[in-house]
Amino acid sequence: MSSGYSYGSHHWPVSLRQDRVVLSPMRRRDQATWEGVRRRNAAWLKPWEATLPPGSSLGPTSYAALVRSLSRQARDDRMLPWLVFYEGEPGYAPELAGQLTVSGIVGGSASWGQIGYWVDQRL
């Protein structure tokens, strides 16, 4: 069920670029890279990880399920889930620098959303 809210002339999936920083939709092919960065940063990110109230469901149990869930919400205009890539020196592959998600998107006169993010400690 789409709210009908439009991001200008764009519809999900949308990628954004500013200089060497690229916001790219989460894709299943990024799983190994995403899991590696998350694993390497687990201790550093732990103080900021969301906690769940007792008895609540854990949500998606795999990266593929997470991508499916977030992509569905993006197509319904409720969320914008991106991976953040940094393009270093020319000729080198972009590095996964983190994740940025705009959620709770509300259109109309309220027009707002909230941003959550995490970044790789190395960058």
C-alpha atoms as a PDB file:
ATOM      1  CA  MET A   1       0.000   0.000   0.000  1.00  0.00           C
ATOM      2  CA  SER A   2       1.723   3.137  -1.146  1.00  0.00           C
ATOM      3  CA  SER A   3       1.051   6.464   0.494  1.00  0.00           C
ATOM      4  CA  GLY A   4       1.465   8.093  -2.873  1.00  0.00           C
ATOM      5  CA  TYR A   5       4.195  10.375  -1.525  1.00  0.00           C
ATOM      6  CA  SER A   6       6.733  11.167  -4.212  1.00  0.00           C
ATOM      7  CA  TYR A   7      10.351  12.188  -3.739  1.00  0.00           C
ATOM      8  CA  GLY A   8      10.179  14.699  -6.561  1.00  0.00           C
ATOM      9  CA  SER A   9      10.346  12.744  -9.791  1.00  0.00           C
ATOM     10  CA  HIS A  10      12.187   9.847  -8.137  1.00  0.00           C
ATOM     11  CA  HIS A  11      10.848   6.511  -6.971  1.00  0.00           C
ATOM     12  CA  TRP A  12      12.606   3.831  -4.956  1.00  0.00           C
ATOM     13  CA  PRO A  13      15.279   2.609  -5.480  1.00  0.00           C
ATOM     14  CA  VAL A  14      17.202   5.886  -5.513  1.00  0.00           C
ATOM     15  CA  SER A  15      20.962   6.418  -5.248  1.00  0.00           C
ATOM     16  CA  LEU A  16      22.513   9.727  -4.221  1.00  0.00           C
ATOM     17  CA  ARG A  17      26.053  11.022  -4.704  1.00  0.00           C
ATOM     18  CA  GLN A  18      27.993  13.960  -3.270  1.00  0.00           C
ATOM     19  CA  ASP A  19      31.654  14.078  -4.242  1.00  0.00           C
ATOM     20  CA  ARG A  20      33.102  10.754  -3.012  1.00  0.00           C
ATOM     21  CA  VAL A  21      30.147   9.712  -0.847  1.00  0.00           C
ATOM     22  CA  VAL A  22      27.471   7.497  -2.407  1.00  0.00           C
ATOM     23  CA  LEU A  23      24.182   6.466  -0.815  1.00  0.00           C
ATOM     24  CA  SER A  24      23.095   3.237  -2.470  1.00  0.00           C
ATOM     25  CA  PRO A  25      20.020   1.100  -1.727  1.00  0.00           C
ATOM     26  CA  MET A  26      20.757  -1.966   0.385  1.00  0.00           C
ATOM     27  CA  ARG A  27      21.112  -4.980  -1.878  1.00  0.00           C
ATOM     28  CA  ARG A  28      21.497  -8.667  -1.170  1.00  0.00           C
ATOM     29  CA  ARG A  29      24.808  -8.726  -3.043  1.00  0.00           C
ATOM     30  CA  ASP A  30      26.301  -6.478  -0.325  1.00  0.00           C
ATOM     31  CA  GLN A  31      25.698  -9.061   2.400  1.00  0.00           C
ATOM     32  CA  ALA A  32      29.286 -10.289   2.892  1.00  0.00           C
ATOM     33  CA  THR A  33      30.685  -6.760   2.960  1.00  0.00           C
ATOM     34  CA  TRP A  34      27.950  -5.481   5.308  1.00  0.00           C
ATOM     35  CA  GLU A  35      28.377  -8.442   7.688  1.00  0.00           C
ATOM     36  CA  GLY A  36      32.160  -7.997   7.694  1.00  0.00           C
ATOM     37  CA  VAL A  37      31.968  -4.294   8.555  1.00  0.00           C
ATOM     38  CA  ARG A  38      29.328  -4.928  11.224  1.00  0.00           C
ATOM     39  CA  ARG A  39      31.373  -7.773  12.747  1.00  0.00           C
ATOM     40  CA  ARG A  40      34.567  -5.676  12.777  1.00  0.00           C
ATOM     41  CA  ASN A  41      32.690  -2.793  14.466  1.00  0.00           C
ATOM     42  CA  ALA A  42      30.500  -4.818  16.854  1.00  0.00           C
ATOM     43  CA  ALA A  43      32.159  -3.665  20.082  1.00  0.00           C
ATOM     44  CA  TRP A  44      32.405  -0.056  18.909  1.00  0.00           C
ATOM     45  CA  LEU A  45      28.723   0.121  17.843  1.00  0.00           C
ATOM     46  CA  LYS A  46      27.298  -1.808  20.808  1.00  0.00           C
ATOM     47  CA  PRO A  47      26.663   1.242  23.060  1.00  0.00           C
ATOM     48  CA  TRP A  48      24.465   2.780  20.343  1.00  0.00           C
ATOM     49  CA  GLU A  49      22.576  -0.324  19.224  1.00  0.00           C
ATOM     50  CA  ALA A  50      18.837  -0.248  19.812  1.00  0.00           C
ATOM     51  CA  THR A  51      17.550  -2.436  22.608  1.00  0.00           C
ATOM     52  CA  LEU A  52      14.261  -4.290  22.440  1.00  0.00           C
ATOM     53  CA  PRO A  53      11.711  -4.388  25.241  1.00  0.00           C
ATOM     54  CA  PRO A  54      11.252  -7.817  26.854  1.00  0.00           C
ATOM     55  CA  GLY A  55       8.911 -10.014  24.832  1.00  0.00           C
ATOM     56  CA  SER A  56       9.198  -8.075  21.581  1.00  0.00           C
ATOM     57  CA  SER A  57      10.036  -9.789  18.314  1.00  0.00           C
ATOM     58  CA  LEU A  58      13.593  -9.619  17.040  1.00  0.00           C
ATOM     59  CA  GLY A  59      12.674  -8.535  13.509  1.00  0.00           C
ATOM     60  CA  PRO A  60      14.449  -9.916  10.436  1.00  0.00           C
ATOM     61  CA  THR A  61      16.694 -12.862  11.265  1.00  0.00           C
ATOM     62  CA  SER A  62      19.011 -12.623   8.256  1.00  0.00           C
ATOM     63  CA  TYR A  63      20.539  -9.975   6.025  1.00  0.00           C
ATOM     64  CA  ALA A  64      18.347 -11.112   3.108  1.00  0.00           C
ATOM     65  CA  ALA A  65      15.223 -10.765   5.279  1.00  0.00           C
ATOM     66  CA  LEU A  66      16.397  -7.324   6.430  1.00  0.00           C
ATOM     67  CA  VAL A  67      16.873  -6.147   2.835  1.00  0.00           C
ATOM     68  CA  ARG A  68      13.446  -7.514   1.838  1.00  0.00           C
ATOM     69  CA  SER A  69      11.737  -5.805   4.767  1.00  0.00           C
ATOM     70  CA  LEU A  70      13.460  -2.447   4.315  1.00  0.00           C
ATOM     71  CA  SER A  71      12.998  -2.485   0.529  1.00  0.00           C
ATOM     72  CA  ARG A  72       9.283  -3.209   0.909  1.00  0.00           C
ATOM     73  CA  GLN A  73       8.935  -0.260   3.301  1.00  0.00           C
ATOM     74  CA  ALA A  74      10.890   1.928   0.852  1.00  0.00           C
ATOM     75  CA  ARG A  75       8.577   0.975  -2.017  1.00  0.00           C
ATOM     76  CA  ASP A  76       5.662   1.907   0.266  1.00  0.00           C
ATOM     77  CA  ASP A  77       7.260   5.365   0.786  1.00  0.00           C
ATOM     78  CA  ARG A  78       7.774   4.760   4.523  1.00  0.00           C
ATOM     79  CA  MET A  79      11.560   4.443   4.614  1.00  0.00           C
ATOM     80  CA  LEU A  80      14.780   5.124   2.688  1.00  0.00           C
ATOM     81  CA  PRO A  81      17.414   2.495   3.613  1.00  0.00           C
ATOM     82  CA  TRP A  82      20.858   3.185   2.156  1.00  0.00           C
ATOM     83  CA  LEU A  83      24.346   1.842   2.479  1.00  0.00           C
ATOM     84  CA  VAL A  84      26.977   4.572   2.575  1.00  0.00           C
ATOM     85  CA  PHE A  85      29.995   4.021   0.354  1.00  0.00           C
ATOM     86  CA  TYR A  86      33.142   6.109   0.241  1.00  0.00           C
ATOM     87  CA  GLU A  87      35.083   6.281  -3.005  1.00  0.00           C
ATOM     88  CA  GLY A  88      38.729   6.736  -2.097  1.00  0.00           C
ATOM     89  CA  GLU A  89      41.521   6.982  -4.590  1.00  0.00           C
ATOM     90  CA  PRO A  90      40.680   6.553  -8.286  1.00  0.00           C
ATOM     91  CA  GLY A  91      40.988   2.950  -9.406  1.00  0.00           C
ATOM     92  CA  TYR A  92      40.028   1.506  -6.018  1.00  0.00           C
ATOM     93  CA  ALA A  93      36.636  -0.023  -5.262  1.00  0.00           C
ATOM     94  CA  PRO A  94      34.308   2.044  -3.053  1.00  0.00           C
ATOM     95  CA  GLU A  95      34.405   1.057   0.630  1.00  0.00           C
ATOM     96  CA  LEU A  96      31.318   0.422   2.711  1.00  0.00           C
ATOM     97  CA  ALA A  97      31.428   3.209   5.284  1.00  0.00           C
ATOM     98  CA  GLY A  98      28.116   2.570   7.053  1.00  0.00           C
ATOM     99  CA  GLN A  99      24.377   2.675   6.759  1.00  0.00           C
ATOM    100  CA  LEU A 100      21.887   5.547   6.778  1.00  0.00           C
ATOM    101  CA  THR A 101      18.143   5.065   7.067  1.00  0.00           C
ATOM    102  CA  VAL A 102      15.422   7.679   6.899  1.00  0.00           C
ATOM    103  CA  SER A 103      12.376   6.181   8.603  1.00  0.00           C
ATOM    104  CA  GLY A 104       9.003   7.243   9.926  1.00  0.00           C
ATOM    105  CA  ILE A 105       8.421   9.242   6.764  1.00  0.00           C
ATOM    106  CA  VAL A 106       5.217  11.252   6.863  1.00  0.00           C
ATOM    107  CA  GLY A 107       4.015  13.378   3.961  1.00  0.00           C
ATOM    108  CA  GLY A 108       1.398  16.058   3.760  1.00  0.00           C
ATOM    109  CA  SER A 109       1.337  18.955   6.186  1.00  0.00           C
ATOM    110  CA  ALA A 110       3.376  16.993   8.779  1.00  0.00           C
ATOM    111  CA  SER A 111       6.246  16.279   6.327  1.00  0.00           C
ATOM    112  CA  TRP A 112       8.913  14.748   8.523  1.00  0.00           C
ATOM    113  CA  GLY A 113      11.058  11.691   9.082  1.00  0.00           C
ATOM    114  CA  GLN A 114      13.877  10.558  11.314  1.00  0.00           C
ATOM    115  CA  ILE A 115      17.418   9.527  10.478  1.00  0.00           C
ATOM    116  CA  GLY A 116      19.397   6.669  11.954  1.00  0.00           C
ATOM    117  CA  TYR A 117      22.915   5.779  10.957  1.00  0.00           C
ATOM    118  CA  TRP A 118      26.068   3.942  11.864  1.00  0.00           C
ATOM    119  CA  VAL A 119      29.585   4.367  10.492  1.00  0.00           C
ATOM    120  CA  ASP A 120      32.674   2.211  10.291  1.00  0.00           C
ATOM    121  CA  GLN A 121      35.077   3.205  13.089  1.00  0.00           C
ATOM    122  CA  ARG A 122      37.991   3.187  10.635  1.00  0.00           C
ATOM    123  CA  LEU A 123      36.507   6.005   8.556  1.00  0.00           C
END
